[in-house]
Amino acid sequence: RLGVRKEQKEYDYWGQGTQVTVSS
């Protein structure tokens, strides 16, 4: 599956996440 997609259902593998916090 080579093409760019926006829908979550189009993706097969997921990472655990990394937190980004932007302070004001």
mmCIF file of all heavy atoms, coordinates in Angstrom:
data_MODEL
# 
_entry.id   MODEL 
# 
loop_
_atom_site.group_PDB 
_atom_site.id 
_atom_site.type_symbol 
_atom_site.label_atom_id 
_atom_site.label_alt_id 
_atom_site.label_comp_id 
_atom_site.label_asym_id 
_atom_site.label_entity_id 
_atom_site.label_seq_id 
_atom_site.pdbx_PDB_ins_code 
_atom_site.Cartn_x 
_atom_site.Cartn_y 
_atom_site.Cartn_z 
_atom_site.occupancy 
_atom_site.B_iso_or_equiv 
_atom_site.pdbx_formal_charge 
_atom_site.auth_seq_id 
_atom_site.auth_comp_id 
_atom_site.auth_asym_id 
_atom_site.auth_atom_id 
_atom_site.pdbx_PDB_model_num 
ATOM 1   N N   . ARG A 1 1  ? 0.861   -1.178 0.000  1.00 0.00 ? 1  ARG A N   1 
ATOM 2   C CA  . ARG A 1 1  ? 0.000   0.000  0.000  1.00 0.00 ? 1  ARG A CA  1 
ATOM 3   C C   . ARG A 1 1  ? 0.899   1.230  0.000  1.00 0.00 ? 1  ARG A C   1 
ATOM 4   O O   . ARG A 1 1  ? 1.367   1.691  1.040  1.00 0.00 ? 1  ARG A O   1 
ATOM 5   C CB  . ARG A 1 1  ? -0.939  -0.036 1.198  1.00 0.00 ? 1  ARG A CB  1 
ATOM 6   C CG  . ARG A 1 1  ? -1.719  -1.351 1.282  1.00 0.00 ? 1  ARG A CG  1 
ATOM 7   C CD  . ARG A 1 1  ? -2.541  -1.467 2.542  1.00 0.00 ? 1  ARG A CD  1 
ATOM 8   N NE  . ARG A 1 1  ? -3.765  -0.682 2.462  1.00 0.00 ? 1  ARG A NE  1 
ATOM 9   C CZ  . ARG A 1 1  ? -4.618  -0.531 3.466  1.00 0.00 ? 1  ARG A CZ  1 
ATOM 10  N NH1 . ARG A 1 1  ? -4.369  -1.098 4.640  1.00 0.00 ? 1  ARG A NH1 1 
ATOM 11  N NH2 . ARG A 1 1  ? -5.714  0.191  3.298  1.00 0.00 ? 1  ARG A NH2 1 
ATOM 12  N N   . LEU A 1 2  ? 1.151   1.742  -1.182 1.00 0.00 ? 2  LEU A N   1 
ATOM 13  C CA  . LEU A 1 2  ? 2.212   2.723  -1.386 1.00 0.00 ? 2  LEU A CA  1 
ATOM 14  C C   . LEU A 1 2  ? 1.777   4.174  -1.254 1.00 0.00 ? 2  LEU A C   1 
ATOM 15  O O   . LEU A 1 2  ? 2.615   5.042  -0.978 1.00 0.00 ? 2  LEU A O   1 
ATOM 16  C CB  . LEU A 1 2  ? 2.825   2.530  -2.782 1.00 0.00 ? 2  LEU A CB  1 
ATOM 17  C CG  . LEU A 1 2  ? 3.263   1.114  -3.150 1.00 0.00 ? 2  LEU A CG  1 
ATOM 18  C CD1 . LEU A 1 2  ? 3.876   1.107  -4.534 1.00 0.00 ? 2  LEU A CD1 1 
ATOM 19  C CD2 . LEU A 1 2  ? 4.242   0.558  -2.132 1.00 0.00 ? 2  LEU A CD2 1 
ATOM 20  N N   . GLY A 1 3  ? 0.511   4.453  -1.468 1.00 0.00 ? 3  GLY A N   1 
ATOM 21  C CA  . GLY A 1 3  ? 0.070   5.830  -1.574 1.00 0.00 ? 3  GLY A CA  1 
ATOM 22  C C   . GLY A 1 3  ? -0.290  6.479  -0.253 1.00 0.00 ? 3  GLY A C   1 
ATOM 23  O O   . GLY A 1 3  ? -0.614  5.813  0.732  1.00 0.00 ? 3  GLY A O   1 
ATOM 24  N N   . VAL A 1 4  ? -0.248  7.810  -0.244 1.00 0.00 ? 4  VAL A N   1 
ATOM 25  C CA  . VAL A 1 4  ? -0.594  8.569  0.947  1.00 0.00 ? 4  VAL A CA  1 
ATOM 26  C C   . VAL A 1 4  ? -2.095  8.467  1.205  1.00 0.00 ? 4  VAL A C   1 
ATOM 27  O O   . VAL A 1 4  ? -2.906  8.458  0.285  1.00 0.00 ? 4  VAL A O   1 
ATOM 28  C CB  . VAL A 1 4  ? -0.170  10.043 0.816  1.00 0.00 ? 4  VAL A CB  1 
ATOM 29  C CG1 . VAL A 1 4  ? 1.340   10.143 0.726  1.00 0.00 ? 4  VAL A CG1 1 
ATOM 30  C CG2 . VAL A 1 4  ? -0.811  10.693 -0.407 1.00 0.00 ? 4  VAL A CG2 1 
ATOM 31  N N   . ARG A 1 5  ? -2.458  8.385  2.484  1.00 0.00 ? 5  ARG A N   1 
ATOM 32  C CA  . ARG A 1 5  ? -3.846  8.295  2.896  1.00 0.00 ? 5  ARG A CA  1 
ATOM 33  C C   . ARG A 1 5  ? -4.031  9.023  4.209  1.00 0.00 ? 5  ARG A C   1 
ATOM 34  O O   . ARG A 1 5  ? -3.119  9.077  5.032  1.00 0.00 ? 5  ARG A O   1 
ATOM 35  C CB  . ARG A 1 5  ? -4.287  6.841  3.049  1.00 0.00 ? 5  ARG A CB  1 
ATOM 36  C CG  . ARG A 1 5  ? -4.320  6.050  1.740  1.00 0.00 ? 5  ARG A CG  1 
ATOM 37  C CD  . ARG A 1 5  ? -5.448  6.527  0.845  1.00 0.00 ? 5  ARG A CD  1 
ATOM 38  N NE  . ARG A 1 5  ? -5.607  5.659  -0.315 1.00 0.00 ? 5  ARG A NE  1 
ATOM 39  C CZ  . ARG A 1 5  ? -4.927  5.784  -1.444 1.00 0.00 ? 5  ARG A CZ  1 
ATOM 40  N NH1 . ARG A 1 5  ? -4.011  6.752  -1.568 1.00 0.00 ? 5  ARG A NH1 1 
ATOM 41  N NH2 . ARG A 1 5  ? -5.142  4.949  -2.457 1.00 0.00 ? 5  ARG A NH2 1 
ATOM 42  N N   . LYS A 1 6  ? -5.220  9.561  4.420  1.00 0.00 ? 6  LYS A N   1 
ATOM 43  C CA  . LYS A 1 6  ? -5.544  10.295 5.639  1.00 0.00 ? 6  LYS A CA  1 
ATOM 44  C C   . LYS A 1 6  ? -6.305  9.471  6.664  1.00 0.00 ? 6  LYS A C   1 
ATOM 45  O O   . LYS A 1 6  ? -6.319  9.816  7.844  1.00 0.00 ? 6  LYS A O   1 
ATOM 46  C CB  . LYS A 1 6  ? -6.381  11.531 5.295  1.00 0.00 ? 6  LYS A CB  1 
ATOM 47  C CG  . LYS A 1 6  ? -5.672  12.545 4.415  1.00 0.00 ? 6  LYS A CG  1 
ATOM 48  C CD  . LYS A 1 6  ? -6.588  13.722 4.131  1.00 0.00 ? 6  LYS A CD  1 
ATOM 49  C CE  . LYS A 1 6  ? -5.887  14.760 3.271  1.00 0.00 ? 6  LYS A CE  1 
ATOM 50  N NZ  . LYS A 1 6  ? -6.783  15.910 2.958  1.00 0.00 ? 6  LYS A NZ  1 
ATOM 51  N N   . GLU A 1 7  ? -6.948  8.420  6.228  1.00 0.00 ? 7  GLU A N   1 
ATOM 52  C CA  . GLU A 1 7  ? -7.830  7.664  7.105  1.00 0.00 ? 7  GLU A CA  1 
ATOM 53  C C   . GLU A 1 7  ? -7.050  6.675  7.958  1.00 0.00 ? 7  GLU A C   1 
ATOM 54  O O   . GLU A 1 7  ? -6.199  5.946  7.465  1.00 0.00 ? 7  GLU A O   1 
ATOM 55  C CB  . GLU A 1 7  ? -8.888  6.925  6.289  1.00 0.00 ? 7  GLU A CB  1 
ATOM 56  C CG  . GLU A 1 7  ? -9.810  7.837  5.487  1.00 0.00 ? 7  GLU A CG  1 
ATOM 57  C CD  . GLU A 1 7  ? -9.206  8.295  4.172  1.00 0.00 ? 7  GLU A CD  1 
ATOM 58  O OE1 . GLU A 1 7  ? -8.111  7.818  3.807  1.00 0.00 ? 7  GLU A OE1 1 
ATOM 59  O OE2 . GLU A 1 7  ? -9.832  9.124  3.498  1.00 0.00 ? 7  GLU A OE2 1 
ATOM 60  N N   . GLN A 1 8  ? -7.383  6.621  9.230  1.00 0.00 ? 8  GLN A N   1 
ATOM 61  C CA  . GLN A 1 8  ? -6.710  5.709  10.143 1.00 0.00 ? 8  GLN A CA  1 
ATOM 62  C C   . GLN A 1 8  ? -6.859  4.263  9.705  1.00 0.00 ? 8  GLN A C   1 
ATOM 63  O O   . GLN A 1 8  ? -5.932  3.461  9.866  1.00 0.00 ? 8  GLN A O   1 
ATOM 64  C CB  . GLN A 1 8  ? -7.257  5.869  11.566 1.00 0.00 ? 8  GLN A CB  1 
ATOM 65  C CG  . GLN A 1 8  ? -6.975  7.219  12.178 1.00 0.00 ? 8  GLN A CG  1 
ATOM 66  C CD  . GLN A 1 8  ? -7.489  7.322  13.593 1.00 0.00 ? 8  GLN A CD  1 
ATOM 67  O OE1 . GLN A 1 8  ? -7.143  6.514  14.452 1.00 0.00 ? 8  GLN A OE1 1 
ATOM 68  N NE2 . GLN A 1 8  ? -8.324  8.320  13.838 1.00 0.00 ? 8  GLN A NE2 1 
ATOM 69  N N   . LYS A 1 9  ? -8.005  3.928  9.138  1.00 0.00 ? 9  LYS A N   1 
ATOM 70  C CA  . LYS A 1 9  ? -8.268  2.556  8.733  1.00 0.00 ? 9  LYS A CA  1 
ATOM 71  C C   . LYS A 1 9  ? -7.384  2.095  7.592  1.00 0.00 ? 9  LYS A C   1 
ATOM 72  O O   . LYS A 1 9  ? -7.304  0.901  7.312  1.00 0.00 ? 9  LYS A O   1 
ATOM 73  C CB  . LYS A 1 9  ? -9.742  2.392  8.340  1.00 0.00 ? 9  LYS A CB  1 
ATOM 74  C CG  . LYS A 1 9  ? -10.145 3.192  7.110  1.00 0.00 ? 9  LYS A CG  1 
ATOM 75  C CD  . LYS A 1 9  ? -11.620 2.989  6.810  1.00 0.00 ? 9  LYS A CD  1 
ATOM 76  C CE  . LYS A 1 9  ? -12.070 3.830  5.625  1.00 0.00 ? 9  LYS A CE  1 
ATOM 77  N NZ  . LYS A 1 9  ? -11.325 3.491  4.397  1.00 0.00 ? 9  LYS A NZ  1 
ATOM 78  N N   . GLU A 1 10 ? -6.705  3.010  6.939  1.00 0.00 ? 10 GLU A N   1 
ATOM 79  C CA  . GLU A 1 10 ? -5.822  2.670  5.836  1.00 0.00 ? 10 GLU A CA  1 
ATOM 80  C C   . GLU A 1 10 ? -4.435  2.233  6.311  1.00 0.00 ? 10 GLU A C   1 
ATOM 81  O O   . GLU A 1 10 ? -3.610  1.838  5.486  1.00 0.00 ? 10 GLU A O   1 
ATOM 82  C CB  . GLU A 1 10 ? -5.680  3.853  4.885  1.00 0.00 ? 10 GLU A CB  1 
ATOM 83  C CG  . GLU A 1 10 ? -6.970  4.218  4.163  1.00 0.00 ? 10 GLU A CG  1 
ATOM 84  C CD  . GLU A 1 10 ? -7.351  3.197  3.104  1.00 0.00 ? 10 GLU A CD  1 
ATOM 85  O OE1 . GLU A 1 10 ? -6.484  2.395  2.698  1.00 0.00 ? 10 GLU A OE1 1 
ATOM 86  O OE2 . GLU A 1 10 ? -8.520  3.191  2.685  1.00 0.00 ? 10 GLU A OE2 1 
ATOM 87  N N   . TYR A 1 11 ? -4.183  2.299  7.601  1.00 0.00 ? 11 TYR A N   1 
ATOM 88  C CA  . TYR A 1 11 ? -2.878  1.957  8.156  1.00 0.00 ? 11 TYR A CA  1 
ATOM 89  C C   . TYR A 1 11 ? -2.934  0.638  8.915  1.00 0.00 ? 11 TYR A C   1 
ATOM 90  O O   . TYR A 1 11 ? -3.904  0.347  9.614  1.00 0.00 ? 11 TYR A O   1 
ATOM 91  C CB  . TYR A 1 11 ? -2.371  3.090  9.053  1.00 0.00 ? 11 TYR A CB  1 
ATOM 92  C CG  . TYR A 1 11 ? -2.057  4.316  8.252  1.00 0.00 ? 11 TYR A CG  1 
ATOM 93  C CD1 . TYR A 1 11 ? -3.065  5.203  7.880  1.00 0.00 ? 11 TYR A CD1 1 
ATOM 94  C CD2 . TYR A 1 11 ? -0.760  4.579  7.823  1.00 0.00 ? 11 TYR A CD2 1 
ATOM 95  C CE1 . TYR A 1 11 ? -2.787  6.315  7.102  1.00 0.00 ? 11 TYR A CE1 1 
ATOM 96  C CE2 . TYR A 1 11 ? -0.473  5.688  7.050  1.00 0.00 ? 11 TYR A CE2 1 
ATOM 97  C CZ  . TYR A 1 11 ? -1.491  6.552  6.693  1.00 0.00 ? 11 TYR A CZ  1 
ATOM 98  O OH  . TYR A 1 11 ? -1.208  7.653  5.921  1.00 0.00 ? 11 TYR A OH  1 
ATOM 99  N N   . ASP A 1 12 ? -1.875  -0.138 8.778  1.00 0.00 ? 12 ASP A N   1 
ATOM 100 C CA  . ASP A 1 12 ? -1.835  -1.495 9.299  1.00 0.00 ? 12 ASP A CA  1 
ATOM 101 C C   . ASP A 1 12 ? -1.001  -1.651 10.570 1.00 0.00 ? 12 ASP A C   1 
ATOM 102 O O   . ASP A 1 12 ? -1.227  -2.584 11.341 1.00 0.00 ? 12 ASP A O   1 
ATOM 103 C CB  . ASP A 1 12 ? -1.275  -2.432 8.230  1.00 0.00 ? 12 ASP A CB  1 
ATOM 104 C CG  . ASP A 1 12 ? -2.065  -2.353 6.941  1.00 0.00 ? 12 ASP A CG  1 
ATOM 105 O OD1 . ASP A 1 12 ? -3.227  -2.819 6.939  1.00 0.00 ? 12 ASP A OD1 1 
ATOM 106 O OD2 . ASP A 1 12 ? -1.534  -1.823 5.942  1.00 0.00 ? 12 ASP A OD2 1 
ATOM 107 N N   . TYR A 1 13 ? -0.050  -0.774 10.791 1.00 0.00 ? 13 TYR A N   1 
ATOM 108 C CA  . TYR A 1 13 ? 0.842   -0.857 11.942 1.00 0.00 ? 13 TYR A CA  1 
ATOM 109 C C   . TYR A 1 13 ? 0.895   0.485  12.644 1.00 0.00 ? 13 TYR A C   1 
ATOM 110 O O   . TYR A 1 13 ? 0.891   1.535  12.010 1.00 0.00 ? 13 TYR A O   1 
ATOM 111 C CB  . TYR A 1 13 ? 2.259   -1.255 11.498 1.00 0.00 ? 13 TYR A CB  1 
ATOM 112 C CG  . TYR A 1 13 ? 2.299   -2.483 10.630 1.00 0.00 ? 13 TYR A CG  1 
ATOM 113 C CD1 . TYR A 1 13 ? 2.464   -2.376 9.256  1.00 0.00 ? 13 TYR A CD1 1 
ATOM 114 C CD2 . TYR A 1 13 ? 2.176   -3.757 11.186 1.00 0.00 ? 13 TYR A CD2 1 
ATOM 115 C CE1 . TYR A 1 13 ? 2.496   -3.500 8.450  1.00 0.00 ? 13 TYR A CE1 1 
ATOM 116 C CE2 . TYR A 1 13 ? 2.205   -4.883 10.384 1.00 0.00 ? 13 TYR A CE2 1 
ATOM 117 C CZ  . TYR A 1 13 ? 2.368   -4.753 9.021  1.00 0.00 ? 13 TYR A CZ  1 
ATOM 118 O OH  . TYR A 1 13 ? 2.400   -5.873 8.218  1.00 0.00 ? 13 TYR A OH  1 
ATOM 119 N N   . TRP A 1 14 ? 0.999   0.434  13.981 1.00 0.00 ? 14 TRP A N   1 
ATOM 120 C CA  . TRP A 1 14 ? 0.995   1.639  14.792 1.00 0.00 ? 14 TRP A CA  1 
ATOM 121 C C   . TRP A 1 14 ? 2.063   1.585  15.868 1.00 0.00 ? 14 TRP A C   1 
ATOM 122 O O   . TRP A 1 14 ? 2.310   0.529  16.453 1.00 0.00 ? 14 TRP A O   1 
ATOM 123 C CB  . TRP A 1 14 ? -0.369  1.828  15.459 1.00 0.00 ? 14 TRP A CB  1 
ATOM 124 C CG  . TRP A 1 14 ? -1.451  2.129  14.487 1.00 0.00 ? 14 TRP A CG  1 
ATOM 125 C CD1 . TRP A 1 14 ? -2.158  1.230  13.752 1.00 0.00 ? 14 TRP A CD1 1 
ATOM 126 C CD2 . TRP A 1 14 ? -1.941  3.427  14.141 1.00 0.00 ? 14 TRP A CD2 1 
ATOM 127 N NE1 . TRP A 1 14 ? -3.074  1.895  12.953 1.00 0.00 ? 14 TRP A NE1 1 
ATOM 128 C CE2 . TRP A 1 14 ? -2.957  3.234  13.180 1.00 0.00 ? 14 TRP A CE2 1 
ATOM 129 C CE3 . TRP A 1 14 ? -1.627  4.718  14.551 1.00 0.00 ? 14 TRP A CE3 1 
ATOM 130 C CZ2 . TRP A 1 14 ? -3.655  4.302  12.619 1.00 0.00 ? 14 TRP A CZ2 1 
ATOM 131 C CZ3 . TRP A 1 14 ? -2.318  5.782  14.006 1.00 0.00 ? 14 TRP A CZ3 1 
ATOM 132 C CH2 . TRP A 1 14 ? -3.321  5.559  13.047 1.00 0.00 ? 14 TRP A CH2 1 
ATOM 133 N N   . GLY A 1 15 ? 2.669   2.730  16.130 1.00 0.00 ? 15 GLY A N   1 
ATOM 134 C CA  . GLY A 1 15 ? 3.601   2.841  17.232 1.00 0.00 ? 15 GLY A CA  1 
ATOM 135 C C   . GLY A 1 15 ? 2.883   3.139  18.531 1.00 0.00 ? 15 GLY A C   1 
ATOM 136 O O   . GLY A 1 15 ? 1.655   3.248  18.586 1.00 0.00 ? 15 GLY A O   1 
ATOM 137 N N   . GLN A 1 16 ? 3.659   3.284  19.587 1.00 0.00 ? 16 GLN A N   1 
ATOM 138 C CA  . GLN A 1 16 ? 3.095   3.484  20.919 1.00 0.00 ? 16 GLN A CA  1 
ATOM 139 C C   . GLN A 1 16 ? 2.787   4.939  21.236 1.00 0.00 ? 16 GLN A C   1 
ATOM 140 O O   . GLN A 1 16 ? 2.091   5.222  22.210 1.00 0.00 ? 16 GLN A O   1 
ATOM 141 C CB  . GLN A 1 16 ? 4.056   2.927  21.976 1.00 0.00 ? 16 GLN A CB  1 
ATOM 142 C CG  . GLN A 1 16 ? 5.214   3.844  22.361 1.00 0.00 ? 16 GLN A CG  1 
ATOM 143 C CD  . GLN A 1 16 ? 6.274   4.003  21.280 1.00 0.00 ? 16 GLN A CD  1 
ATOM 144 O OE1 . GLN A 1 16 ? 6.310   3.250  20.305 1.00 0.00 ? 16 GLN A OE1 1 
ATOM 145 N NE2 . GLN A 1 16 ? 7.157   4.991  21.450 1.00 0.00 ? 16 GLN A NE2 1 
ATOM 146 N N   . GLY A 1 17 ? 3.293   5.844  20.439 1.00 0.00 ? 17 GLY A N   1 
ATOM 147 C CA  . GLY A 1 17 ? 3.065   7.259  20.642 1.00 0.00 ? 17 GLY A CA  1 
ATOM 148 C C   . GLY A 1 17 ? 4.194   7.949  21.372 1.00 0.00 ? 17 GLY A C   1 
ATOM 149 O O   . GLY A 1 17 ? 4.930   7.334  22.139 1.00 0.00 ? 17 GLY A O   1 
ATOM 150 N N   . THR A 1 18 ? 4.343   9.235  21.115 1.00 0.00 ? 18 THR A N   1 
ATOM 151 C CA  . THR A 1 18 ? 5.293   10.072 21.833 1.00 0.00 ? 18 THR A CA  1 
ATOM 152 C C   . THR A 1 18 ? 4.620   11.406 22.127 1.00 0.00 ? 18 THR A C   1 
ATOM 153 O O   . THR A 1 18 ? 3.953   11.980 21.271 1.00 0.00 ? 18 THR A O   1 
ATOM 154 C CB  . THR A 1 18 ? 6.604   10.257 21.036 1.00 0.00 ? 18 THR A CB  1 
ATOM 155 O OG1 . THR A 1 18 ? 7.558   10.977 21.826 1.00 0.00 ? 18 THR A OG1 1 
ATOM 156 C CG2 . THR A 1 18 ? 6.379   10.999 19.729 1.00 0.00 ? 18 THR A CG2 1 
ATOM 157 N N   . GLN A 1 19 ? 4.783   11.882 23.345 1.00 0.00 ? 19 GLN A N   1 
ATOM 158 C CA  . GLN A 1 19 ? 4.061   13.062 23.788 1.00 0.00 ? 19 GLN A CA  1 
ATOM 159 C C   . GLN A 1 19 ? 4.776   14.335 23.356 1.00 0.00 ? 19 GLN A C   1 
ATOM 160 O O   . GLN A 1 19 ? 5.978   14.490 23.556 1.00 0.00 ? 19 GLN A O   1 
ATOM 161 C CB  . GLN A 1 19 ? 3.899   13.055 25.310 1.00 0.00 ? 19 GLN A CB  1 
ATOM 162 C CG  . GLN A 1 19 ? 3.144   14.254 25.871 1.00 0.00 ? 19 GLN A CG  1 
ATOM 163 C CD  . GLN A 1 19 ? 1.688   14.290 25.451 1.00 0.00 ? 19 GLN A CD  1 
ATOM 164 O OE1 . GLN A 1 19 ? 1.046   13.244 25.361 1.00 0.00 ? 19 GLN A OE1 1 
ATOM 165 N NE2 . GLN A 1 19 ? 1.167   15.480 25.180 1.00 0.00 ? 19 GLN A NE2 1 
ATOM 166 N N   . VAL A 1 20 ? 4.015   15.251 22.790 1.00 0.00 ? 20 VAL A N   1 
ATOM 167 C CA  . VAL A 1 20 ? 4.498   16.583 22.455 1.00 0.00 ? 20 VAL A CA  1 
ATOM 168 C C   . VAL A 1 20 ? 3.665   17.592 23.233 1.00 0.00 ? 20 VAL A C   1 
ATOM 169 O O   . VAL A 1 20 ? 2.434   17.601 23.126 1.00 0.00 ? 20 VAL A O   1 
ATOM 170 C CB  . VAL A 1 20 ? 4.387   16.870 20.948 1.00 0.00 ? 20 VAL A CB  1 
ATOM 171 C CG1 . VAL A 1 20 ? 4.702   18.338 20.652 1.00 0.00 ? 20 VAL A CG1 1 
ATOM 172 C CG2 . VAL A 1 20 ? 5.320   15.959 20.174 1.00 0.00 ? 20 VAL A CG2 1 
ATOM 173 N N   . THR A 1 21 ? 4.330   18.418 24.005 1.00 0.00 ? 21 THR A N   1 
ATOM 174 C CA  . THR A 1 21 ? 3.647   19.443 24.779 1.00 0.00 ? 21 THR A CA  1 
ATOM 175 C C   . THR A 1 21 ? 4.242   20.792 24.429 1.00 0.00 ? 21 THR A C   1 
ATOM 176 O O   . THR A 1 21 ? 5.453   20.989 24.539 1.00 0.00 ? 21 THR A O   1 
ATOM 177 C CB  . THR A 1 21 ? 3.778   19.190 26.282 1.00 0.00 ? 21 THR A CB  1 
ATOM 178 O OG1 . THR A 1 21 ? 3.242   17.900 26.600 1.00 0.00 ? 21 THR A OG1 1 
ATOM 179 C CG2 . THR A 1 21 ? 3.022   20.248 27.075 1.00 0.00 ? 21 THR A CG2 1 
ATOM 180 N N   . VAL A 1 22 ? 3.388   21.725 24.027 1.00 0.00 ? 22 VAL A N   1 
ATOM 181 C CA  . VAL A 1 22 ? 3.814   23.067 23.641 1.00 0.00 ? 22 VAL A CA  1 
ATOM 182 C C   . VAL A 1 22 ? 3.228   24.044 24.644 1.00 0.00 ? 22 VAL A C   1 
ATOM 183 O O   . VAL A 1 22 ? 2.009   24.176 24.757 1.00 0.00 ? 22 VAL A O   1 
ATOM 184 C CB  . VAL A 1 22 ? 3.363   23.419 22.222 1.00 0.00 ? 22 VAL A CB  1 
ATOM 185 C CG1 . VAL A 1 22 ? 3.917   24.782 21.825 1.00 0.00 ? 22 VAL A CG1 1 
ATOM 186 C CG2 . VAL A 1 22 ? 3.821   22.351 21.237 1.00 0.00 ? 22 VAL A CG2 1 
ATOM 187 N N   . SER A 1 23 ? 4.085   24.726 25.355 1.00 0.00 ? 23 SER A N   1 
ATOM 188 C CA  . SER A 1 23 ? 3.644   25.671 26.364 1.00 0.00 ? 23 SER A CA  1 
ATOM 189 C C   . SER A 1 23 ? 3.469   27.052 25.762 1.00 0.00 ? 23 SER A C   1 
ATOM 190 O O   . SER A 1 23 ? 4.108   27.409 24.770 1.00 0.00 ? 23 SER A O   1 
ATOM 191 C CB  . SER A 1 23 ? 4.640   25.728 27.518 1.00 0.00 ? 23 SER A CB  1 
ATOM 192 O OG  . SER A 1 23 ? 5.892   26.239 27.082 1.00 0.00 ? 23 SER A OG  1 
ATOM 193 N N   . SER A 1 24 ? 2.599   27.838 26.382 1.00 0.00 ? 24 SER A N   1 
ATOM 194 C CA  . SER A 1 24 ? 2.351   29.198 25.930 1.00 0.00 ? 24 SER A CA  1 
ATOM 195 C C   . SER A 1 24 ? 3.218   30.202 26.651 1.00 0.00 ? 24 SER A C   1 
ATOM 196 O O   . SER A 1 24 ? 3.375   31.328 26.219 1.00 0.00 ? 24 SER A O   1 
ATOM 197 C CB  . SER A 1 24 ? 0.878   29.551 26.099 1.00 0.00 ? 24 SER A CB  1 
ATOM 198 O OG  . SER A 1 24 ? 0.502   29.447 27.455 1.00 0.00 ? 24 SER A OG  1 
# 
